[in-house]
Amino acid sequence: VGLSPSHMQNIFKNATGNSISVYLRRLRLNKAAQM
């Protein structure tokens, strides 16, 4: 998206309340649980 990692993290955390890594881990865990 053309942003610095720290700026991207700040935007994401402000919007969702979670870090990107926590969000990705939860998505991956949900996919694993489904499988």
PDB file of all heavy atoms in Angstrom:
ATOM      1  N   VAL A   1       0.810  -1.221   0.000  1.00  0.00           N
ATOM      2  CA  VAL A   1       0.000   0.000   0.000  1.00  0.00           C
ATOM      3  C   VAL A   1       0.841   1.269   0.000  1.00  0.00           C
ATOM      4  O   VAL A   1       0.301   2.373   0.011  1.00  0.00           O
ATOM      5  CB  VAL A   1      -1.013   0.035   1.175  1.00  0.00           C
ATOM      6  CG1 VAL A   1      -2.013  -1.091   1.054  1.00  0.00           C
ATOM      7  CG2 VAL A   1      -0.320   0.009   2.518  1.00  0.00           C
ATOM      8  N   GLY A   2       2.164   1.110   0.014  1.00  0.00           N
ATOM      9  CA  GLY A   2       3.036   2.268  -0.096  1.00  0.00           C
ATOM     10  C   GLY A   2       3.197   3.076   1.183  1.00  0.00           C
ATOM     11  O   GLY A   2       3.379   4.295   1.131  1.00  0.00           O
ATOM     12  N   LEU A   3       3.133   2.405   2.325  1.00  0.00           N
ATOM     13  CA  LEU A   3       3.314   3.078   3.615  1.00  0.00           C
ATOM     14  C   LEU A   3       4.482   2.445   4.356  1.00  0.00           C
ATOM     15  O   LEU A   3       4.877   1.317   4.052  1.00  0.00           O
ATOM     16  CB  LEU A   3       2.059   2.938   4.477  1.00  0.00           C
ATOM     17  CG  LEU A   3       0.769   3.572   3.954  1.00  0.00           C
ATOM     18  CD1 LEU A   3      -0.405   3.150   4.827  1.00  0.00           C
ATOM     19  CD2 LEU A   3       0.898   5.079   3.914  1.00  0.00           C
ATOM     20  N   SER A   4       4.998   3.150   5.338  1.00  0.00           N
ATOM     21  CA  SER A   4       6.017   2.540   6.186  1.00  0.00           C
ATOM     22  C   SER A   4       5.320   1.520   7.091  1.00  0.00           C
ATOM     23  O   SER A   4       4.132   1.684   7.412  1.00  0.00           O
ATOM     24  CB  SER A   4       6.723   3.596   7.028  1.00  0.00           C
ATOM     25  OG  SER A   4       5.870   4.063   8.057  1.00  0.00           O
ATOM     26  N   PRO A   5       6.048   0.488   7.512  1.00  0.00           N
ATOM     27  CA  PRO A   5       5.428  -0.505   8.392  1.00  0.00           C
ATOM     28  C   PRO A   5       4.855   0.095   9.678  1.00  0.00           C
ATOM     29  O   PRO A   5       3.756  -0.276  10.100  1.00  0.00           O
ATOM     30  CB  PRO A   5       6.577  -1.472   8.700  1.00  0.00           C
ATOM     31  CG  PRO A   5       7.458  -1.374   7.505  1.00  0.00           C
ATOM     32  CD  PRO A   5       7.388   0.070   7.086  1.00  0.00           C
ATOM     33  N   SER A   6       5.564   1.045  10.283  1.00  0.00           N
ATOM     34  CA  SER A   6       5.053   1.631  11.527  1.00  0.00           C
ATOM     35  C   SER A   6       3.789   2.453  11.290  1.00  0.00           C
ATOM     36  O   SER A   6       2.845   2.397  12.087  1.00  0.00           O
ATOM     37  CB  SER A   6       6.130   2.480  12.213  1.00  0.00           C
ATOM     38  OG  SER A   6       6.518   3.551  11.384  1.00  0.00           O
ATOM     39  N   HIS A   7       3.743   3.196  10.180  1.00  0.00           N
ATOM     40  CA  HIS A   7       2.544   3.979   9.869  1.00  0.00           C
ATOM     41  C   HIS A   7       1.366   3.047   9.570  1.00  0.00           C
ATOM     42  O   HIS A   7       0.243   3.279  10.018  1.00  0.00           O
ATOM     43  CB  HIS A   7       2.819   4.920   8.694  1.00  0.00           C
ATOM     44  CG  HIS A   7       1.722   5.897   8.435  1.00  0.00           C
ATOM     45  ND1 HIS A   7       1.313   6.826   9.366  1.00  0.00           N
ATOM     46  CD2 HIS A   7       0.935   6.086   7.343  1.00  0.00           C
ATOM     47  CE1 HIS A   7       0.316   7.543   8.863  1.00  0.00           C
ATOM     48  NE2 HIS A   7       0.069   7.109   7.637  1.00  0.00           N
ATOM     49  N   MET A   8       1.647   1.981   8.851  1.00  0.00           N
ATOM     50  CA  MET A   8       0.613   0.985   8.535  1.00  0.00           C
ATOM     51  C   MET A   8       0.079   0.363   9.831  1.00  0.00           C
ATOM     52  O   MET A   8      -1.124   0.215  10.002  1.00  0.00           O
ATOM     53  CB  MET A   8       1.223  -0.096   7.632  1.00  0.00           C
ATOM     54  CG  MET A   8       0.316  -1.226   7.314  1.00  0.00           C
ATOM     55  SD  MET A   8      -0.791  -0.778   5.988  1.00  0.00           S
ATOM     56  CE  MET A   8      -1.672  -2.301   5.819  1.00  0.00           C
ATOM     57  N   GLN A   9       0.985   0.022  10.753  1.00  0.00           N
ATOM     58  CA  GLN A   9       0.572  -0.548  12.035  1.00  0.00           C
ATOM     59  C   GLN A   9      -0.322   0.421  12.810  1.00  0.00           C
ATOM     60  O   GLN A   9      -1.338   0.020  13.367  1.00  0.00           O
ATOM     61  CB  GLN A   9       1.795  -0.875  12.909  1.00  0.00           C
ATOM     62  CG  GLN A   9       2.471  -2.160  12.555  1.00  0.00           C
ATOM     63  CD  GLN A   9       1.759  -3.364  13.149  1.00  0.00           C
ATOM     64  OE1 GLN A   9       0.535  -3.450  13.218  1.00  0.00           O
ATOM     65  NE2 GLN A   9       2.543  -4.341  13.540  1.00  0.00           N
ATOM     66  N   ASN A  10       0.068   1.689  12.848  1.00  0.00           N
ATOM     67  CA  ASN A  10      -0.719   2.682  13.579  1.00  0.00           C
ATOM     68  C   ASN A  10      -2.116   2.837  12.995  1.00  0.00           C
ATOM     69  O   ASN A  10      -3.106   2.880  13.730  1.00  0.00           O
ATOM     70  CB  ASN A  10      -0.001   4.038  13.586  1.00  0.00           C
ATOM     71  CG  ASN A  10       1.212   4.037  14.477  1.00  0.00           C
ATOM     72  OD1 ASN A  10       1.311   3.246  15.405  1.00  0.00           O
ATOM     73  ND2 ASN A  10       2.154   4.914  14.182  1.00  0.00           N
ATOM     74  N   ILE A  11      -2.212   2.926  11.687  1.00  0.00           N
ATOM     75  CA  ILE A  11      -3.514   3.057  11.030  1.00  0.00           C
ATOM     76  C   ILE A  11      -4.376   1.830  11.333  1.00  0.00           C
ATOM     77  O   ILE A  11      -5.550   1.948  11.703  1.00  0.00           O
ATOM     78  CB  ILE A  11      -3.351   3.243   9.508  1.00  0.00           C
ATOM     79  CG1 ILE A  11      -2.735   4.606   9.208  1.00  0.00           C
ATOM     80  CG2 ILE A  11      -4.686   3.085   8.789  1.00  0.00           C
ATOM     81  CD1 ILE A  11      -2.321   4.784   7.756  1.00  0.00           C
ATOM     82  N   PHE A  12      -3.796   0.652  11.188  1.00  0.00           N
ATOM     83  CA  PHE A  12      -4.544  -0.578  11.390  1.00  0.00           C
ATOM     84  C   PHE A  12      -5.008  -0.708  12.844  1.00  0.00           C
ATOM     85  O   PHE A  12      -6.159  -1.041  13.108  1.00  0.00           O
ATOM     86  CB  PHE A  12      -3.687  -1.789  10.997  1.00  0.00           C
ATOM     87  CG  PHE A  12      -4.465  -3.061  10.883  1.00  0.00           C
ATOM     88  CD1 PHE A  12      -5.083  -3.407   9.699  1.00  0.00           C
ATOM     89  CD2 PHE A  12      -4.598  -3.921  11.969  1.00  0.00           C
ATOM     90  CE1 PHE A  12      -5.818  -4.566   9.580  1.00  0.00           C
ATOM     91  CE2 PHE A  12      -5.321  -5.086  11.874  1.00  0.00           C
ATOM     92  CZ  PHE A  12      -5.937  -5.404  10.672  1.00  0.00           C
ATOM     93  N   LYS A  13      -4.099  -0.435  13.771  1.00  0.00           N
ATOM     94  CA  LYS A  13      -4.451  -0.573  15.191  1.00  0.00           C
ATOM     95  C   LYS A  13      -5.519   0.437  15.593  1.00  0.00           C
ATOM     96  O   LYS A  13      -6.437   0.111  16.360  1.00  0.00           O
ATOM     97  CB  LYS A  13      -3.218  -0.420  16.071  1.00  0.00           C
ATOM     98  CG  LYS A  13      -3.518  -0.772  17.506  1.00  0.00           C
ATOM     99  CD  LYS A  13      -2.294  -1.186  18.244  1.00  0.00           C
ATOM    100  CE  LYS A  13      -2.733  -1.721  19.595  1.00  0.00           C
ATOM    101  NZ  LYS A  13      -1.713  -2.463  20.253  1.00  0.00           N
ATOM    102  N   ASN A  14      -5.443   1.654  15.062  1.00  0.00           N
ATOM    103  CA  ASN A  14      -6.474   2.655  15.353  1.00  0.00           C
ATOM    104  C   ASN A  14      -7.831   2.234  14.802  1.00  0.00           C
ATOM    105  O   ASN A  14      -8.862   2.488  15.411  1.00  0.00           O
ATOM    106  CB  ASN A  14      -6.077   4.022  14.802  1.00  0.00           C
ATOM    107  CG  ASN A  14      -4.970   4.670  15.602  1.00  0.00           C
ATOM    108  OD1 ASN A  14      -4.757   4.360  16.763  1.00  0.00           O
ATOM    109  ND2 ASN A  14      -4.247   5.580  14.968  1.00  0.00           N
ATOM    110  N   ALA A  15      -7.823   1.581  13.655  1.00  0.00           N
ATOM    111  CA  ALA A  15      -9.078   1.177  13.021  1.00  0.00           C
ATOM    112  C   ALA A  15      -9.683  -0.085  13.638  1.00  0.00           C
ATOM    113  O   ALA A  15     -10.903  -0.213  13.710  1.00  0.00           O
ATOM    114  CB  ALA A  15      -8.853   0.958  11.522  1.00  0.00           C
ATOM    115  N   THR A  16      -8.823  -1.019  14.082  1.00  0.00           N
ATOM    116  CA  THR A  16      -9.341  -2.315  14.528  1.00  0.00           C
ATOM    117  C   THR A  16      -9.128  -2.605  16.011  1.00  0.00           C
ATOM    118  O   THR A  16      -9.768  -3.500  16.554  1.00  0.00           O
ATOM    119  CB  THR A  16      -8.678  -3.464  13.746  1.00  0.00           C
ATOM    120  OG1 THR A  16      -7.291  -3.517  14.088  1.00  0.00           O
ATOM    121  CG2 THR A  16      -8.853  -3.301  12.238  1.00  0.00           C
ATOM    122  N   GLY A  17      -8.183  -1.906  16.625  1.00  0.00           N
ATOM    123  CA  GLY A  17      -7.850  -2.191  18.010  1.00  0.00           C
ATOM    124  C   GLY A  17      -6.832  -3.305  18.173  1.00  0.00           C
ATOM    125  O   GLY A  17      -6.442  -3.639  19.285  1.00  0.00           O
ATOM    126  N   ASN A  18      -6.419  -3.910  17.062  1.00  0.00           N
ATOM    127  CA  ASN A  18      -5.438  -4.995  17.091  1.00  0.00           C
ATOM    128  C   ASN A  18      -4.277  -4.683  16.171  1.00  0.00           C
ATOM    129  O   ASN A  18      -4.429  -3.943  15.207  1.00  0.00           O
ATOM    130  CB  ASN A  18      -6.062  -6.316  16.622  1.00  0.00           C
ATOM    131  CG  ASN A  18      -7.028  -6.882  17.615  1.00  0.00           C
ATOM    132  OD1 ASN A  18      -6.711  -7.026  18.788  1.00  0.00           O
ATOM    133  ND2 ASN A  18      -8.224  -7.200  17.161  1.00  0.00           N
ATOM    134  N   SER A  19      -3.153  -5.326  16.445  1.00  0.00           N
ATOM    135  CA  SER A  19      -2.025  -5.204  15.523  1.00  0.00           C
ATOM    136  C   SER A  19      -2.294  -6.082  14.307  1.00  0.00           C
ATOM    137  O   SER A  19      -3.126  -7.001  14.351  1.00  0.00           O
ATOM    138  CB  SER A  19      -0.729  -5.640  16.202  1.00  0.00           C
ATOM    139  OG  SER A  19      -0.733  -7.038  16.415  1.00  0.00           O
ATOM    140  N   ILE A  20      -1.574  -5.813  13.244  1.00  0.00           N
ATOM    141  CA  ILE A  20      -1.727  -6.612  12.025  1.00  0.00           C
ATOM    142  C   ILE A  20      -1.325  -8.057  12.293  1.00  0.00           C
ATOM    143  O   ILE A  20      -2.004  -8.984  11.840  1.00  0.00           O
ATOM    144  CB  ILE A  20      -0.913  -6.006  10.869  1.00  0.00           C
ATOM    145  CG1 ILE A  20      -1.525  -4.662  10.466  1.00  0.00           C
ATOM    146  CG2 ILE A  20      -0.858  -6.953   9.678  1.00  0.00           C
ATOM    147  CD1 ILE A  20      -0.697  -3.858   9.480  1.00  0.00           C
ATOM    148  N   SER A  21      -0.262  -8.273  13.037  1.00  0.00           N
ATOM    149  CA  SER A  21       0.193  -9.643  13.285  1.00  0.00           C
ATOM    150  C   SER A  21      -0.833 -10.434  14.094  1.00  0.00           C
ATOM    151  O   SER A  21      -1.076 -11.611  13.810  1.00  0.00           O
ATOM    152  CB  SER A  21       1.558  -9.656  13.963  1.00  0.00           C
ATOM    153  OG  SER A  21       1.519  -8.955  15.174  1.00  0.00           O
ATOM    154  N   VAL A  22      -1.463  -9.806  15.072  1.00  0.00           N
ATOM    155  CA  VAL A  22      -2.518 -10.479  15.844  1.00  0.00           C
ATOM    156  C   VAL A  22      -3.703 -10.801  14.930  1.00  0.00           C
ATOM    157  O   VAL A  22      -4.253 -11.904  14.962  1.00  0.00           O
ATOM    158  CB  VAL A  22      -2.979  -9.619  17.042  1.00  0.00           C
ATOM    159  CG1 VAL A  22      -4.278 -10.136  17.645  1.00  0.00           C
ATOM    160  CG2 VAL A  22      -1.889  -9.569  18.089  1.00  0.00           C
ATOM    161  N   TYR A  23      -4.078  -9.857  14.083  1.00  0.00           N
ATOM    162  CA  TYR A  23      -5.188 -10.064  13.150  1.00  0.00           C
ATOM    163  C   TYR A  23      -4.894 -11.221  12.192  1.00  0.00           C
ATOM    164  O   TYR A  23      -5.737 -12.105  11.995  1.00  0.00           O
ATOM    165  CB  TYR A  23      -5.457  -8.770  12.378  1.00  0.00           C
ATOM    166  CG  TYR A  23      -6.606  -8.867  11.420  1.00  0.00           C
ATOM    167  CD1 TYR A  23      -7.919  -8.774  11.869  1.00  0.00           C
ATOM    168  CD2 TYR A  23      -6.385  -9.058  10.064  1.00  0.00           C
ATOM    169  CE1 TYR A  23      -8.987  -8.861  10.984  1.00  0.00           C
ATOM    170  CE2 TYR A  23      -7.440  -9.146   9.169  1.00  0.00           C
ATOM    171  CZ  TYR A  23      -8.737  -9.048   9.636  1.00  0.00           C
ATOM    172  OH  TYR A  23      -9.784  -9.151   8.755  1.00  0.00           O
ATOM    173  N   LEU A  24      -3.696 -11.237  11.612  1.00  0.00           N
ATOM    174  CA  LEU A  24      -3.328 -12.311  10.682  1.00  0.00           C
ATOM    175  C   LEU A  24      -3.299 -13.661  11.387  1.00  0.00           C
ATOM    176  O   LEU A  24      -3.757 -14.667  10.839  1.00  0.00           O
ATOM    177  CB  LEU A  24      -1.965 -12.022  10.039  1.00  0.00           C
ATOM    178  CG  LEU A  24      -1.927 -10.895   9.018  1.00  0.00           C
ATOM    179  CD1 LEU A  24      -0.491 -10.615   8.592  1.00  0.00           C
ATOM    180  CD2 LEU A  24      -2.801 -11.217   7.819  1.00  0.00           C
ATOM    181  N   ARG A  25      -2.761 -13.689  12.613  1.00  0.00           N
ATOM    182  CA  ARG A  25      -2.713 -14.940  13.364  1.00  0.00           C
ATOM    183  C   ARG A  25      -4.124 -15.464  13.626  1.00  0.00           C
ATOM    184  O   ARG A  25      -4.404 -16.653  13.483  1.00  0.00           O
ATOM    185  CB  ARG A  25      -1.935 -14.751  14.666  1.00  0.00           C
ATOM    186  CG  ARG A  25      -1.676 -16.047  15.398  1.00  0.00           C
ATOM    187  CD  ARG A  25      -0.698 -15.932  16.562  1.00  0.00           C
ATOM    188  NE  ARG A  25      -0.959 -14.802  17.439  1.00  0.00           N
ATOM    189  CZ  ARG A  25      -0.169 -13.722  17.531  1.00  0.00           C
ATOM    190  NH1 ARG A  25       0.913 -13.614  16.806  1.00  0.00           N
ATOM    191  NH2 ARG A  25      -0.484 -12.742  18.362  1.00  0.00           N
ATOM    192  N   ARG A  26      -5.042 -14.584  13.997  1.00  0.00           N
ATOM    193  CA  ARG A  26      -6.436 -15.014  14.233  1.00  0.00           C
ATOM    194  C   ARG A  26      -7.085 -15.531  12.954  1.00  0.00           C
ATOM    195  O   ARG A  26      -7.813 -16.531  12.983  1.00  0.00           O
ATOM    196  CB  ARG A  26      -7.257 -13.861  14.799  1.00  0.00           C
ATOM    197  CG  ARG A  26      -6.995 -13.629  16.245  1.00  0.00           C
ATOM    198  CD  ARG A  26      -7.928 -12.589  16.815  1.00  0.00           C
ATOM    199  NE  ARG A  26      -7.546 -12.272  18.184  1.00  0.00           N
ATOM    200  CZ  ARG A  26      -7.808 -11.148  18.775  1.00  0.00           C
ATOM    201  NH1 ARG A  26      -8.469 -10.203  18.137  1.00  0.00           N
ATOM    202  NH2 ARG A  26      -7.437 -10.943  20.015  1.00  0.00           N
ATOM    203  N   LEU A  27      -6.833 -14.857  11.836  1.00  0.00           N
ATOM    204  CA  LEU A  27      -7.367 -15.346  10.557  1.00  0.00           C
ATOM    205  C   LEU A  27      -6.839 -16.745  10.256  1.00  0.00           C
ATOM    206  O   LEU A  27      -7.597 -17.625   9.835  1.00  0.00           O
ATOM    207  CB  LEU A  27      -6.982 -14.408   9.412  1.00  0.00           C
ATOM    208  CG  LEU A  27      -7.748 -13.117   9.254  1.00  0.00           C
ATOM    209  CD1 LEU A  27      -7.166 -12.291   8.101  1.00  0.00           C
ATOM    210  CD2 LEU A  27      -9.221 -13.388   8.999  1.00  0.00           C
ATOM    211  N   ARG A  28      -5.550 -16.934  10.458  1.00  0.00           N
ATOM    212  CA  ARG A  28      -4.945 -18.237  10.195  1.00  0.00           C
ATOM    213  C   ARG A  28      -5.481 -19.307  11.134  1.00  0.00           C
ATOM    214  O   ARG A  28      -5.747 -20.439  10.715  1.00  0.00           O
ATOM    215  CB  ARG A  28      -3.424 -18.122  10.302  1.00  0.00           C
ATOM    216  CG  ARG A  28      -2.824 -17.320   9.165  1.00  0.00           C
ATOM    217  CD  ARG A  28      -1.335 -17.107   9.325  1.00  0.00           C
ATOM    218  NE  ARG A  28      -0.812 -16.456   8.137  1.00  0.00           N
ATOM    219  CZ  ARG A  28       0.075 -15.478   8.148  1.00  0.00           C
ATOM    220  NH1 ARG A  28       0.582 -15.041   9.295  1.00  0.00           N
ATOM    221  NH2 ARG A  28       0.496 -14.942   7.020  1.00  0.00           N
ATOM    222  N   LEU A  29      -5.662 -18.960  12.394  1.00  0.00           N
ATOM    223  CA  LEU A  29      -6.219 -19.919  13.352  1.00  0.00           C
ATOM    224  C   LEU A  29      -7.664 -20.273  13.007  1.00  0.00           C
ATOM    225  O   LEU A  29      -8.064 -21.441  13.117  1.00  0.00           O
ATOM    226  CB  LEU A  29      -6.131 -19.362  14.778  1.00  0.00           C
ATOM    227  CG  LEU A  29      -4.737 -19.355  15.392  1.00  0.00           C
ATOM    228  CD1 LEU A  29      -4.724 -18.545  16.674  1.00  0.00           C
ATOM    229  CD2 LEU A  29      -4.239 -20.776  15.638  1.00  0.00           C
ATOM    230  N   ASN A  30      -8.447 -19.296  12.605  1.00  0.00           N
ATOM    231  CA  ASN A  30      -9.835 -19.565  12.202  1.00  0.00           C
ATOM    232  C   ASN A  30      -9.882 -20.490  10.998  1.00  0.00           C
ATOM    233  O   ASN A  30     -10.700 -21.408  10.934  1.00  0.00           O
ATOM    234  CB  ASN A  30     -10.587 -18.267  11.913  1.00  0.00           C
ATOM    235  CG  ASN A  30     -10.896 -17.472  13.157  1.00  0.00           C
ATOM    236  OD1 ASN A  30     -10.900 -18.013  14.262  1.00  0.00           O
ATOM    237  ND2 ASN A  30     -11.130 -16.188  12.992  1.00  0.00           N
ATOM    238  N   LYS A  31      -8.992 -20.254  10.025  1.00  0.00           N
ATOM    239  CA  LYS A  31      -8.932 -21.116   8.843  1.00  0.00           C
ATOM    240  C   LYS A  31      -8.542 -22.537   9.247  1.00  0.00           C
ATOM    241  O   LYS A  31      -9.127 -23.510   8.784  1.00  0.00           O
ATOM    242  CB  LYS A  31      -7.943 -20.551   7.825  1.00  0.00           C
ATOM    243  CG  LYS A  31      -7.829 -21.376   6.557  1.00  0.00           C
ATOM    244  CD  LYS A  31      -6.899 -20.712   5.563  1.00  0.00           C
ATOM    245  CE  LYS A  31      -6.696 -21.557   4.344  1.00  0.00           C
ATOM    246  NZ  LYS A  31      -7.677 -21.352   3.309  1.00  0.00           N
ATOM    247  N   ALA A  32      -7.559 -22.658  10.141  1.00  0.00           N
ATOM    248  CA  ALA A  32      -7.126 -23.973  10.605  1.00  0.00           C
ATOM    249  C   ALA A  32      -8.268 -24.685  11.339  1.00  0.00           C
ATOM    250  O   ALA A  32      -8.511 -25.873  11.109  1.00  0.00           O
ATOM    251  CB  ALA A  32      -5.913 -23.839  11.513  1.00  0.00           C
ATOM    252  N   ALA A  33      -8.965 -23.971  12.199  1.00  0.00           N
ATOM    253  CA  ALA A  33     -10.080 -24.574  12.940  1.00  0.00           C
ATOM    254  C   ALA A  33     -11.167 -25.059  11.988  1.00  0.00           C
ATOM    255  O   ALA A  33     -11.739 -26.139  12.181  1.00  0.00           O
ATOM    256  CB  ALA A  33     -10.652 -23.561  13.931  1.00  0.00           C
ATOM    257  N   GLN A  34     -11.426 -24.274  10.959  1.00  0.00           N
ATOM    258  CA  GLN A  34     -12.425 -24.665   9.961  1.00  0.00           C
ATOM    259  C   GLN A  34     -11.998 -25.956   9.256  1.00  0.00           C
ATOM    260  O   GLN A  34     -12.797 -26.873   9.064  1.00  0.00           O
ATOM    261  CB  GLN A  34     -12.566 -23.527   8.953  1.00  0.00           C
ATOM    262  CG  GLN A  34     -13.875 -23.411   8.286  1.00  0.00           C
ATOM    263  CD  GLN A  34     -13.929 -22.122   7.461  1.00  0.00           C
ATOM    264  OE1 GLN A  34     -12.922 -21.642   6.926  1.00  0.00           O
ATOM    265  NE2 GLN A  34     -15.114 -21.569   7.350  1.00  0.00           N
ATOM    266  N   MET A  35     -10.726 -26.043   8.879  1.00  0.00           N
ATOM    267  CA  MET A  35     -10.229 -27.245   8.201  1.00  0.00           C
ATOM    268  C   MET A  35     -10.204 -28.445   9.141  1.00  0.00           C
ATOM    269  O   MET A  35     -10.485 -29.567   8.720  1.00  0.00           O
ATOM    270  CB  MET A  35      -8.842 -26.997   7.615  1.00  0.00           C
ATOM    271  CG  MET A  35      -8.863 -26.122   6.373  1.00  0.00           C
ATOM    272  SD  MET A  35      -7.261 -26.044   5.532  1.00  0.00           S
ATOM    273  CE  MET A  35      -6.396 -24.892   6.578  1.00  0.00           C
TER     274      MET A  35
END
